[in-house]
Amino acid sequence: MSENMLLEIEGLEKAYEGFALKGLNLVVAPETIVGFVGANGAGKTTTLKAVLGIIRPDAGSIRLFGEEVAPCGPNYVGGDRFAELRKQVGFVPDTCAWPLEYEVAWVGKVCQMAYDAWDAKRFAQLCKEFGLAGSKKIQELSRGMGMKLSLAVALCHGARLLVLDEATAGLDPLAREEMVDVLRKTVAEDGCGILMSSHITSDLERAADQVVCIDDGRIVFNRPVDEICDLAGVAHCRAAQLDALLDSHAYEAGELRIHRGNYSSDVLIPDRFQFAEAFPEIAVDRVGIDEYLSLYLKGELR
């Protein structure tokens, strides 16, 4: 793996009763937002916990900023060094983790004591932009406002890698758009990278450069967003058209995924422009991440 990667996961394994991560590979480069998608229980949270050192993996390698932080190999840094590396990771969980009786201003003061690189001026600016009054207590914040506070903290202690776990959940569309803009600006200006787990795929279409999908503990695809949203498509085929498509041998085995309906079938196409030229009689539409994900996971492989 490249030494300039912010996060490198290779062959990660973690087993629980009834579930296991199975040889998971994933990387996050500087100035890149990686969307991490999959159904509930697919392994997203387990992966994030392993990255943050909350759980110990059974096997595999996790490297933060080029240093081994998974206690599975001979180069594990451990202890104080791992703690220092974690200070360069900004984590935004799916719920606000600060004590309910804290005021927003107190959060900034605590962080100033905890982080050598804490940027108090930027924290105050973000709180103002996010509508977070310093006198507000955590218990008075809505879920969305709590997420904004967590993001503000993550952006203000010099983090090189941001890890977001459903950070836009609970926000209204305008607030999510605002948060996505902040993330894109941060990546462009600070050069950090982001691993963003989310069920809201419309946010990933706007924010992410790469989408990694996990299913049943395995990575099932890893694609650039433009390869999904700008190039791929879904073809709507009647029975005779589907038969003609499959009989044409225009695609290699494993290139197409088919969801068969009672009256027509939807086919996930890797390149809708080439498809339209080859099969002009079959309607083909642009596909979003959500539909791509559904067809990829549920479709019949052909």
C-alpha atoms as a PDB file:
ATOM      1  CA  MET A   1       0.000   0.000   0.000  1.00  0.00           C
ATOM      2  CA  SER A   2       1.054   3.596  -0.585  1.00  0.00           C
ATOM      3  CA  GLU A   3       2.782   5.360   2.300  1.00  0.00           C
ATOM      4  CA  ASN A   4       0.817   8.586   1.778  1.00  0.00           C
ATOM      5  CA  MET A   5      -2.552   6.999   2.590  1.00  0.00           C
ATOM      6  CA  LEU A   6      -4.315   8.320   5.683  1.00  0.00           C
ATOM      7  CA  LEU A   7      -6.062   5.027   6.392  1.00  0.00           C
ATOM      8  CA  GLU A   8      -5.195   1.577   5.080  1.00  0.00           C
ATOM      9  CA  ILE A   9      -7.174  -1.522   6.024  1.00  0.00           C
ATOM     10  CA  GLU A  10      -6.013  -4.855   4.671  1.00  0.00           C
ATOM     11  CA  GLY A  11      -7.460  -8.299   5.327  1.00  0.00           C
ATOM     12  CA  LEU A  12      -9.429  -7.135   8.380  1.00  0.00           C
ATOM     13  CA  GLU A  13     -11.279  -9.882  10.246  1.00  0.00           C
ATOM     14  CA  LYS A  14     -13.484  -9.752  13.318  1.00  0.00           C
ATOM     15  CA  ALA A  15     -15.889 -12.506  14.364  1.00  0.00           C
ATOM     16  CA  TYR A  16     -18.916 -12.360  16.637  1.00  0.00           C
ATOM     17  CA  GLU A  17     -21.626 -14.939  17.135  1.00  0.00           C
ATOM     18  CA  GLY A  18     -23.620 -14.887  13.907  1.00  0.00           C
ATOM     19  CA  PHE A  19     -21.464 -12.279  12.137  1.00  0.00           C
ATOM     20  CA  ALA A  20     -17.911 -11.777  10.884  1.00  0.00           C
ATOM     21  CA  LEU A  21     -15.837  -9.282   8.931  1.00  0.00           C
ATOM     22  CA  LYS A  22     -14.127 -11.303   6.214  1.00  0.00           C
ATOM     23  CA  GLY A  23     -10.866 -10.020   4.769  1.00  0.00           C
ATOM     24  CA  LEU A  24     -11.951  -6.402   4.439  1.00  0.00           C
ATOM     25  CA  ASN A  25      -9.768  -4.007   2.407  1.00  0.00           C
ATOM     26  CA  LEU A  26     -10.271  -0.227   2.320  1.00  0.00           C
ATOM     27  CA  VAL A  27      -8.142   2.913   1.869  1.00  0.00           C
ATOM     28  CA  VAL A  28      -8.678   6.654   2.352  1.00  0.00           C
ATOM     29  CA  ALA A  29      -6.313   9.030   0.583  1.00  0.00           C
ATOM     30  CA  PRO A  30      -5.717  12.719   1.342  1.00  0.00           C
ATOM     31  CA  GLU A  31      -8.254  15.125  -0.205  1.00  0.00           C
ATOM     32  CA  THR A  32     -10.711  12.267  -0.709  1.00  0.00           C
ATOM     33  CA  ILE A  33     -14.161  11.495   0.692  1.00  0.00           C
ATOM     34  CA  VAL A  34     -14.955   7.772   0.770  1.00  0.00           C
ATOM     35  CA  GLY A  35     -18.614   6.844   1.222  1.00  0.00           C
ATOM     36  CA  PHE A  36     -19.113   3.626   3.193  1.00  0.00           C
ATOM     37  CA  VAL A  37     -22.492   2.008   2.499  1.00  0.00           C
ATOM     38  CA  GLY A  38     -24.357  -1.182   3.252  1.00  0.00           C
ATOM     39  CA  ALA A  39     -27.439  -2.500   5.008  1.00  0.00           C
ATOM     40  CA  ASN A  40     -27.822  -2.454   8.776  1.00  0.00           C
ATOM     41  CA  GLY A  41     -25.687  -5.246  10.219  1.00  0.00           C
ATOM     42  CA  ALA A  42     -23.418  -5.424   7.177  1.00  0.00           C
ATOM     43  CA  GLY A  43     -20.289  -4.508   9.166  1.00  0.00           C
ATOM     44  CA  LYS A  44     -19.889  -0.731   8.825  1.00  0.00           C
ATOM     45  CA  THR A  45     -19.894   0.094  12.532  1.00  0.00           C
ATOM     46  CA  THR A  46     -17.644  -2.865  13.373  1.00  0.00           C
ATOM     47  CA  THR A  47     -15.144  -1.577  10.824  1.00  0.00           C
ATOM     48  CA  LEU A  48     -15.215   1.954  12.226  1.00  0.00           C
ATOM     49  CA  LYS A  49     -14.790   0.677  15.791  1.00  0.00           C
ATOM     50  CA  ALA A  50     -11.719  -1.297  14.712  1.00  0.00           C
ATOM     51  CA  VAL A  51     -10.226   1.784  13.053  1.00  0.00           C
ATOM     52  CA  LEU A  52     -10.762   3.829  16.227  1.00  0.00           C
ATOM     53  CA  GLY A  53      -9.320   1.151  18.489  1.00  0.00           C
ATOM     54  CA  ILE A  54     -12.627   0.526  20.278  1.00  0.00           C
ATOM     55  CA  ILE A  55     -12.477  -3.179  19.393  1.00  0.00           C
ATOM     56  CA  ARG A  56      -9.532  -5.444  18.676  1.00  0.00           C
ATOM     57  CA  PRO A  57      -9.626  -7.172  15.277  1.00  0.00           C
ATOM     58  CA  ASP A  58      -8.900 -10.894  15.058  1.00  0.00           C
ATOM     59  CA  ALA A  59      -6.644 -10.554  12.030  1.00  0.00           C
ATOM     60  CA  GLY A  60      -5.529  -8.105   9.386  1.00  0.00           C
ATOM     61  CA  SER A  61      -3.773  -4.761   9.231  1.00  0.00           C
ATOM     62  CA  ILE A  62      -4.936  -1.221  10.028  1.00  0.00           C
ATOM     63  CA  ARG A  63      -2.534   1.640   9.375  1.00  0.00           C
ATOM     64  CA  LEU A  64      -3.192   5.254  10.379  1.00  0.00           C
ATOM     65  CA  PHE A  65      -0.930   7.750   8.605  1.00  0.00           C
ATOM     66  CA  GLY A  66       1.436   4.907   7.706  1.00  0.00           C
ATOM     67  CA  GLU A  67       1.684   3.375  11.198  1.00  0.00           C
ATOM     68  CA  GLU A  68       0.251   0.013  12.264  1.00  0.00           C
ATOM     69  CA  VAL A  69      -2.522   0.395  14.865  1.00  0.00           C
ATOM     70  CA  ALA A  70      -4.187  -3.018  14.750  1.00  0.00           C
ATOM     71  CA  PRO A  71      -2.677  -5.353  17.391  1.00  0.00           C
ATOM     72  CA  CYS A  72      -2.358  -8.219  14.913  1.00  0.00           C
ATOM     73  CA  GLY A  73       1.093  -7.798  13.382  1.00  0.00           C
ATOM     74  CA  PRO A  74       4.704  -7.246  14.455  1.00  0.00           C
ATOM     75  CA  ASN A  75       4.673  -3.503  13.632  1.00  0.00           C
ATOM     76  CA  TYR A  76       1.842  -2.535  16.015  1.00  0.00           C
ATOM     77  CA  VAL A  77       2.686   0.812  17.664  1.00  0.00           C
ATOM     78  CA  GLY A  78       0.206   0.542  20.558  1.00  0.00           C
ATOM     79  CA  GLY A  79       0.026   2.532  23.779  1.00  0.00           C
ATOM     80  CA  ASP A  80       0.923   6.200  23.844  1.00  0.00           C
ATOM     81  CA  ARG A  81       1.777   6.350  20.156  1.00  0.00           C
ATOM     82  CA  PHE A  82      -1.648   5.063  19.129  1.00  0.00           C
ATOM     83  CA  ALA A  83      -3.223   7.666  21.442  1.00  0.00           C
ATOM     84  CA  GLU A  84      -1.254  10.403  19.676  1.00  0.00           C
ATOM     85  CA  LEU A  85      -2.312   9.131  16.269  1.00  0.00           C
ATOM     86  CA  ARG A  86      -5.966   9.061  17.338  1.00  0.00           C
ATOM     87  CA  LYS A  87      -5.749  12.796  18.097  1.00  0.00           C
ATOM     88  CA  GLN A  88      -5.330  13.256  14.349  1.00  0.00           C
ATOM     89  CA  VAL A  89      -8.657  11.486  13.737  1.00  0.00           C
ATOM     90  CA  GLY A  90     -11.887  13.461  14.042  1.00  0.00           C
ATOM     91  CA  PHE A  91     -14.835  11.208  14.876  1.00  0.00           C
ATOM     92  CA  VAL A  92     -18.481  12.195  14.428  1.00  0.00           C
ATOM     93  CA  PRO A  93     -20.778   9.483  15.852  1.00  0.00           C
ATOM     94  CA  ASP A  94     -24.474   9.040  15.126  1.00  0.00           C
ATOM     95  CA  THR A  95     -25.383  10.643  18.475  1.00  0.00           C
ATOM     96  CA  CYS A  96     -23.890  13.573  20.367  1.00  0.00           C
ATOM     97  CA  ALA A  97     -21.591  12.040  22.989  1.00  0.00           C
ATOM     98  CA  TRP A  98     -21.053  15.090  25.225  1.00  0.00           C
ATOM     99  CA  PRO A  99     -22.568  15.168  28.759  1.00  0.00           C
ATOM    100  CA  LEU A 100     -26.109  16.532  28.693  1.00  0.00           C
ATOM    101  CA  GLU A 101     -25.400  19.250  31.278  1.00  0.00           C
ATOM    102  CA  TYR A 102     -22.489  20.727  29.256  1.00  0.00           C
ATOM    103  CA  GLU A 103     -22.935  24.034  27.478  1.00  0.00           C
ATOM    104  CA  VAL A 104     -21.627  24.435  23.941  1.00  0.00           C
ATOM    105  CA  ALA A 105     -18.981  26.896  25.144  1.00  0.00           C
ATOM    106  CA  TRP A 106     -17.774  24.383  27.741  1.00  0.00           C
ATOM    107  CA  VAL A 107     -17.224  21.832  24.983  1.00  0.00           C
ATOM    108  CA  GLY A 108     -14.798  24.232  23.327  1.00  0.00           C
ATOM    109  CA  LYS A 109     -12.937  24.820  26.592  1.00  0.00           C
ATOM    110  CA  VAL A 110     -12.597  21.086  27.277  1.00  0.00           C
ATOM    111  CA  CYS A 111     -11.273  20.496  23.766  1.00  0.00           C
ATOM    112  CA  GLN A 112      -8.778  23.323  24.152  1.00  0.00           C
ATOM    113  CA  MET A 113      -7.300  21.484  27.132  1.00  0.00           C
ATOM    114  CA  ALA A 114      -7.368  18.105  25.376  1.00  0.00           C
ATOM    115  CA  TYR A 115      -5.903  19.023  21.977  1.00  0.00           C
ATOM    116  CA  ASP A 116      -2.634  20.838  21.389  1.00  0.00           C
ATOM    117  CA  ALA A 117      -3.803  21.822  17.902  1.00  0.00           C
ATOM    118  CA  TRP A 118      -7.239  23.092  19.007  1.00  0.00           C
ATOM    119  CA  ASP A 119      -8.437  26.055  16.905  1.00  0.00           C
ATOM    120  CA  ALA A 120     -10.711  28.078  19.195  1.00  0.00           C
ATOM    121  CA  LYS A 121     -11.316  30.770  16.585  1.00  0.00           C
ATOM    122  CA  ARG A 122     -12.503  28.256  14.010  1.00  0.00           C
ATOM    123  CA  PHE A 123     -14.711  26.517  16.584  1.00  0.00           C
ATOM    124  CA  ALA A 124     -16.402  29.821  17.427  1.00  0.00           C
ATOM    125  CA  GLN A 125     -16.864  30.545  13.720  1.00  0.00           C
ATOM    126  CA  LEU A 126     -18.400  27.146  13.007  1.00  0.00           C
ATOM    127  CA  CYS A 127     -20.706  27.393  16.018  1.00  0.00           C
ATOM    128  CA  LYS A 128     -21.936  30.732  14.677  1.00  0.00           C
ATOM    129  CA  GLU A 129     -22.438  29.303  11.157  1.00  0.00           C
ATOM    130  CA  PHE A 130     -24.255  26.261  12.579  1.00  0.00           C
ATOM    131  CA  GLY A 131     -26.474  28.338  14.880  1.00  0.00           C
ATOM    132  CA  LEU A 132     -24.962  26.855  18.064  1.00  0.00           C
ATOM    133  CA  ALA A 133     -25.244  29.390  20.877  1.00  0.00           C
ATOM    134  CA  GLY A 134     -22.483  29.051  23.459  1.00  0.00           C
ATOM    135  CA  SER A 135     -24.958  29.084  26.352  1.00  0.00           C
ATOM    136  CA  LYS A 136     -27.045  26.200  24.986  1.00  0.00           C
ATOM    137  CA  LYS A 137     -26.822  22.969  26.935  1.00  0.00           C
ATOM    138  CA  ILE A 138     -26.391  19.659  25.125  1.00  0.00           C
ATOM    139  CA  GLN A 139     -29.740  18.446  26.453  1.00  0.00           C
ATOM    140  CA  GLU A 140     -31.413  21.420  24.738  1.00  0.00           C
ATOM    141  CA  LEU A 141     -29.999  20.590  21.317  1.00  0.00           C
ATOM    142  CA  SER A 142     -31.956  18.699  18.702  1.00  0.00           C
ATOM    143  CA  ARG A 143     -30.380  15.609  17.164  1.00  0.00           C
ATOM    144  CA  GLY A 144     -29.382  17.645  14.148  1.00  0.00           C
ATOM    145  CA  MET A 145     -27.810  20.397  16.219  1.00  0.00           C
ATOM    146  CA  GLY A 146     -25.934  17.778  18.245  1.00  0.00           C
ATOM    147  CA  MET A 147     -24.506  16.408  14.994  1.00  0.00           C
ATOM    148  CA  LYS A 148     -23.396  19.902  14.016  1.00  0.00           C
ATOM    149  CA  LEU A 149     -21.609  20.310  17.340  1.00  0.00           C
ATOM    150  CA  SER A 150     -19.831  16.975  16.929  1.00  0.00           C
ATOM    151  CA  LEU A 151     -18.755  17.981  13.418  1.00  0.00           C
ATOM    152  CA  ALA A 152     -17.514  21.368  14.627  1.00  0.00           C
ATOM    153  CA  VAL A 153     -15.350  19.637  17.245  1.00  0.00           C
ATOM    154  CA  ALA A 154     -13.988  17.171  14.660  1.00  0.00           C
ATOM    155  CA  LEU A 155     -13.019  20.006  12.324  1.00  0.00           C
ATOM    156  CA  CYS A 156     -11.152  22.069  14.920  1.00  0.00           C
ATOM    157  CA  HIS A 157      -8.385  19.917  16.395  1.00  0.00           C
ATOM    158  CA  GLY A 158      -6.151  19.501  13.370  1.00  0.00           C
ATOM    159  CA  ALA A 159      -7.549  16.139  12.285  1.00  0.00           C
ATOM    160  CA  ARG A 160      -6.046  14.669   9.136  1.00  0.00           C
ATOM    161  CA  LEU A 161      -8.732  11.975   8.891  1.00  0.00           C
ATOM    162  CA  LEU A 162     -12.434  12.421   9.647  1.00  0.00           C
ATOM    163  CA  VAL A 163     -14.574   9.375  10.428  1.00  0.00           C
ATOM    164  CA  LEU A 164     -18.317  10.049  10.186  1.00  0.00           C
ATOM    165  CA  ASP A 165     -20.899   7.499  11.315  1.00  0.00           C
ATOM    166  CA  GLU A 166     -24.327   8.567   9.979  1.00  0.00           C
ATOM    167  CA  ALA A 167     -23.389  12.178  10.718  1.00  0.00           C
ATOM    168  CA  THR A 168     -26.099  13.673   8.469  1.00  0.00           C
ATOM    169  CA  ALA A 169     -28.910  11.562   9.963  1.00  0.00           C
ATOM    170  CA  GLY A 170     -31.595  13.675  11.618  1.00  0.00           C
ATOM    171  CA  LEU A 171     -30.748  16.805   9.642  1.00  0.00           C
ATOM    172  CA  ASP A 172     -33.231  18.522   7.364  1.00  0.00           C
ATOM    173  CA  PRO A 173     -32.267  18.769   3.660  1.00  0.00           C
ATOM    174  CA  LEU A 174     -30.904  22.317   3.952  1.00  0.00           C
ATOM    175  CA  ALA A 175     -28.785  21.429   6.982  1.00  0.00           C
ATOM    176  CA  ARG A 176     -27.444  18.322   5.221  1.00  0.00           C
ATOM    177  CA  GLU A 177     -26.542  20.422   2.196  1.00  0.00           C
ATOM    178  CA  GLU A 178     -24.744  22.871   4.490  1.00  0.00           C
ATOM    179  CA  MET A 179     -22.815  20.037   6.164  1.00  0.00           C
ATOM    180  CA  VAL A 180     -21.809  18.516   2.830  1.00  0.00           C
ATOM    181  CA  ASP A 181     -20.518  21.912   1.692  1.00  0.00           C
ATOM    182  CA  VAL A 182     -18.453  22.192   4.894  1.00  0.00           C
ATOM    183  CA  LEU A 183     -16.968  18.736   4.328  1.00  0.00           C
ATOM    184  CA  ARG A 184     -16.042  19.447   0.713  1.00  0.00           C
ATOM    185  CA  LYS A 185     -14.495  22.779   1.703  1.00  0.00           C
ATOM    186  CA  THR A 186     -12.512  21.119   4.495  1.00  0.00           C
ATOM    187  CA  VAL A 187     -11.115  18.476   2.166  1.00  0.00           C
ATOM    188  CA  ALA A 188     -10.154  21.079  -0.419  1.00  0.00           C
ATOM    189  CA  GLU A 189      -8.557  23.540   1.992  1.00  0.00           C
ATOM    190  CA  ASP A 190      -7.060  21.277   4.688  1.00  0.00           C
ATOM    191  CA  GLY A 191      -6.125  18.287   2.525  1.00  0.00           C
ATOM    192  CA  CYS A 192      -7.667  15.820   4.965  1.00  0.00           C
ATOM    193  CA  GLY A 193      -9.549  12.662   4.028  1.00  0.00           C
ATOM    194  CA  ILE A 194     -12.988  11.480   5.137  1.00  0.00           C
ATOM    195  CA  LEU A 195     -14.499   8.046   5.692  1.00  0.00           C
ATOM    196  CA  MET A 196     -18.246   8.675   5.714  1.00  0.00           C
ATOM    197  CA  SER A 197     -20.683   5.922   6.647  1.00  0.00           C
ATOM    198  CA  SER A 198     -24.203   6.919   5.613  1.00  0.00           C
ATOM    199  CA  HIS A 199     -27.589   5.568   4.589  1.00  0.00           C
ATOM    200  CA  ILE A 200     -28.414   8.890   2.914  1.00  0.00           C
ATOM    201  CA  THR A 201     -26.948   8.171  -0.488  1.00  0.00           C
ATOM    202  CA  SER A 202     -27.992  11.531  -1.948  1.00  0.00           C
ATOM    203  CA  ASP A 203     -25.431  13.134   0.390  1.00  0.00           C
ATOM    204  CA  LEU A 204     -22.762  10.751  -0.897  1.00  0.00           C
ATOM    205  CA  GLU A 205     -23.648  11.602  -4.499  1.00  0.00           C
ATOM    206  CA  ARG A 206     -22.842  15.237  -3.692  1.00  0.00           C
ATOM    207  CA  ALA A 207     -19.915  14.687  -1.345  1.00  0.00           C
ATOM    208  CA  ALA A 208     -18.059  11.447  -2.019  1.00  0.00           C
ATOM    209  CA  ASP A 209     -15.303  10.685  -4.502  1.00  0.00           C
ATOM    210  CA  GLN A 210     -15.449   6.924  -3.927  1.00  0.00           C
ATOM    211  CA  VAL A 211     -18.158   4.552  -2.690  1.00  0.00           C
ATOM    212  CA  VAL A 212     -17.314   1.319  -0.879  1.00  0.00           C
ATOM    213  CA  CYS A 213     -20.146  -1.144  -0.271  1.00  0.00           C
ATOM    214  CA  ILE A 214     -20.035  -3.816   2.426  1.00  0.00           C
ATOM    215  CA  ASP A 215     -22.462  -6.730   2.627  1.00  0.00           C
ATOM    216  CA  ASP A 216     -22.388  -9.565   5.159  1.00  0.00           C
ATOM    217  CA  GLY A 217     -18.907  -8.559   6.305  1.00  0.00           C
ATOM    218  CA  ARG A 218     -17.346  -8.415   2.822  1.00  0.00           C
ATOM    219  CA  ILE A 219     -16.569  -5.557   0.447  1.00  0.00           C
ATOM    220  CA  VAL A 220     -18.726  -6.198  -2.621  1.00  0.00           C
ATOM    221  CA  PHE A 221     -17.799  -3.146  -4.680  1.00  0.00           C
ATOM    222  CA  ASN A 222     -15.479  -0.154  -4.553  1.00  0.00           C
ATOM    223  CA  ARG A 223     -16.276   2.400  -7.266  1.00  0.00           C
ATOM    224  CA  PRO A 224     -15.628   6.063  -8.052  1.00  0.00           C
ATOM    225  CA  VAL A 225     -18.874   8.014  -7.657  1.00  0.00           C
ATOM    226  CA  ASP A 226     -18.766   9.295 -11.226  1.00  0.00           C
ATOM    227  CA  GLU A 227     -18.501   5.705 -12.460  1.00  0.00           C
ATOM    228  CA  ILE A 228     -21.812   5.019 -10.713  1.00  0.00           C
ATOM    229  CA  CYS A 229     -23.763   8.248 -11.188  1.00  0.00           C
ATOM    230  CA  ASP A 230     -22.391   9.523 -14.499  1.00  0.00           C
ATOM    231  CA  LEU A 231     -21.603   6.312 -16.371  1.00  0.00           C
ATOM    232  CA  ALA A 232     -23.692   3.393 -15.109  1.00  0.00           C
ATOM    233  CA  GLY A 233     -27.367   2.993 -15.902  1.00  0.00           C
ATOM    234  CA  VAL A 234     -30.441   0.832 -15.516  1.00  0.00           C
ATOM    235  CA  ALA A 235     -32.004  -0.709 -18.605  1.00  0.00           C
ATOM    236  CA  HIS A 236     -35.728  -1.492 -18.591  1.00  0.00           C
ATOM    237  CA  CYS A 237     -36.283  -4.648 -20.597  1.00  0.00           C
ATOM    238  CA  ARG A 238     -39.357  -6.566 -21.646  1.00  0.00           C
ATOM    239  CA  ALA A 239     -38.955 -10.344 -21.641  1.00  0.00           C
ATOM    240  CA  ALA A 240     -38.028 -10.563 -25.337  1.00  0.00           C
ATOM    241  CA  GLN A 241     -35.560  -7.677 -25.014  1.00  0.00           C
ATOM    242  CA  LEU A 242     -33.884  -9.302 -22.031  1.00  0.00           C
ATOM    243  CA  ASP A 243     -33.516 -12.572 -23.900  1.00  0.00           C
ATOM    244  CA  ALA A 244     -32.005 -10.722 -26.876  1.00  0.00           C
ATOM    245  CA  LEU A 245     -29.610  -8.855 -24.591  1.00  0.00           C
ATOM    246  CA  LEU A 246     -28.397 -12.046 -22.905  1.00  0.00           C
ATOM    247  CA  ASP A 247     -28.132 -13.908 -26.206  1.00  0.00           C
ATOM    248  CA  SER A 248     -26.066 -11.096 -27.754  1.00  0.00           C
ATOM    249  CA  HIS A 249     -22.984 -11.936 -25.633  1.00  0.00           C
ATOM    250  CA  ALA A 250     -22.226  -8.201 -25.558  1.00  0.00           C
ATOM    251  CA  TYR A 251     -21.206  -8.494 -21.911  1.00  0.00           C
ATOM    252  CA  GLU A 252     -18.807 -10.764 -20.092  1.00  0.00           C
ATOM    253  CA  ALA A 253     -20.068 -13.132 -17.407  1.00  0.00           C
ATOM    254  CA  GLY A 254     -20.627 -11.196 -14.162  1.00  0.00           C
ATOM    255  CA  GLU A 255     -20.972  -7.759 -15.796  1.00  0.00           C
ATOM    256  CA  LEU A 256     -24.766  -7.520 -15.540  1.00  0.00           C
ATOM    257  CA  ARG A 257     -27.135  -7.732 -12.599  1.00  0.00           C
ATOM    258  CA  ILE A 258     -30.811  -8.335 -13.266  1.00  0.00           C
ATOM    259  CA  HIS A 259     -33.883  -7.725 -11.147  1.00  0.00           C
ATOM    260  CA  ARG A 260     -36.759  -9.601 -12.768  1.00  0.00           C
ATOM    261  CA  GLY A 261     -40.291  -8.258 -12.378  1.00  0.00           C
ATOM    262  CA  ASN A 262     -43.682  -9.594 -13.427  1.00  0.00           C
ATOM    263  CA  TYR A 263     -43.828  -7.550 -16.613  1.00  0.00           C
ATOM    264  CA  SER A 264     -40.316  -6.217 -17.139  1.00  0.00           C
ATOM    265  CA  SER A 265     -36.796  -6.505 -15.782  1.00  0.00           C
ATOM    266  CA  ASP A 266     -34.283  -3.892 -14.657  1.00  0.00           C
ATOM    267  CA  VAL A 267     -30.678  -4.513 -15.669  1.00  0.00           C
ATOM    268  CA  LEU A 268     -27.716  -2.743 -14.096  1.00  0.00           C
ATOM    269  CA  ILE A 269     -25.484  -1.584 -16.958  1.00  0.00           C
ATOM    270  CA  PRO A 270     -21.835  -0.515 -16.447  1.00  0.00           C
ATOM    271  CA  ASP A 271     -21.890   2.050 -19.307  1.00  0.00           C
ATOM    272  CA  ARG A 272     -25.301   3.382 -20.333  1.00  0.00           C
ATOM    273  CA  PHE A 273     -23.928   5.361 -23.288  1.00  0.00           C
ATOM    274  CA  GLN A 274     -22.374   2.300 -24.923  1.00  0.00           C
ATOM    275  CA  PHE A 275     -25.524   0.362 -24.131  1.00  0.00           C
ATOM    276  CA  ALA A 276     -27.746   2.989 -25.789  1.00  0.00           C
ATOM    277  CA  GLU A 277     -25.693   2.748 -28.977  1.00  0.00           C
ATOM    278  CA  ALA A 278     -25.719  -1.044 -29.015  1.00  0.00           C
ATOM    279  CA  PHE A 279     -29.387  -1.466 -27.998  1.00  0.00           C
ATOM    280  CA  PRO A 280     -31.257   1.711 -29.062  1.00  0.00           C
ATOM    281  CA  GLU A 281     -34.627  -0.038 -28.768  1.00  0.00           C
ATOM    282  CA  ILE A 282     -34.205  -0.574 -24.995  1.00  0.00           C
ATOM    283  CA  ALA A 283     -34.792   2.337 -22.603  1.00  0.00           C
ATOM    284  CA  VAL A 284     -31.863   3.046 -20.290  1.00  0.00           C
ATOM    285  CA  ASP A 285     -31.755   5.644 -17.511  1.00  0.00           C
ATOM    286  CA  ARG A 286     -29.166   7.199 -15.230  1.00  0.00           C
ATOM    287  CA  VAL A 287     -28.798   5.391 -11.908  1.00  0.00           C
ATOM    288  CA  GLY A 288     -28.181   6.885  -8.457  1.00  0.00           C
ATOM    289  CA  ILE A 289     -26.182   5.269  -5.671  1.00  0.00           C
ATOM    290  CA  ASP A 290     -29.326   3.994  -3.924  1.00  0.00           C
ATOM    291  CA  GLU A 291     -30.660   2.189  -6.998  1.00  0.00           C
ATOM    292  CA  TYR A 292     -27.183   0.983  -7.945  1.00  0.00           C
ATOM    293  CA  LEU A 293     -26.749  -0.447  -4.457  1.00  0.00           C
ATOM    294  CA  SER A 294     -30.143  -2.170  -4.528  1.00  0.00           C
ATOM    295  CA  LEU A 295     -29.639  -3.724  -7.960  1.00  0.00           C
ATOM    296  CA  TYR A 296     -26.096  -4.768  -7.167  1.00  0.00           C
ATOM    297  CA  LEU A 297     -27.028  -6.519  -3.929  1.00  0.00           C
ATOM    298  CA  LYS A 298     -30.403  -7.963  -4.948  1.00  0.00           C
ATOM    299  CA  GLY A 299     -29.931  -8.497  -8.660  1.00  0.00           C
ATOM    300  CA  GLU A 300     -29.299 -11.836 -10.328  1.00  0.00           C
ATOM    301  CA  LEU A 301     -25.678 -12.004 -11.497  1.00  0.00           C
ATOM    302  CA  ARG A 302     -25.284 -12.708 -15.220  1.00  0.00           C
END
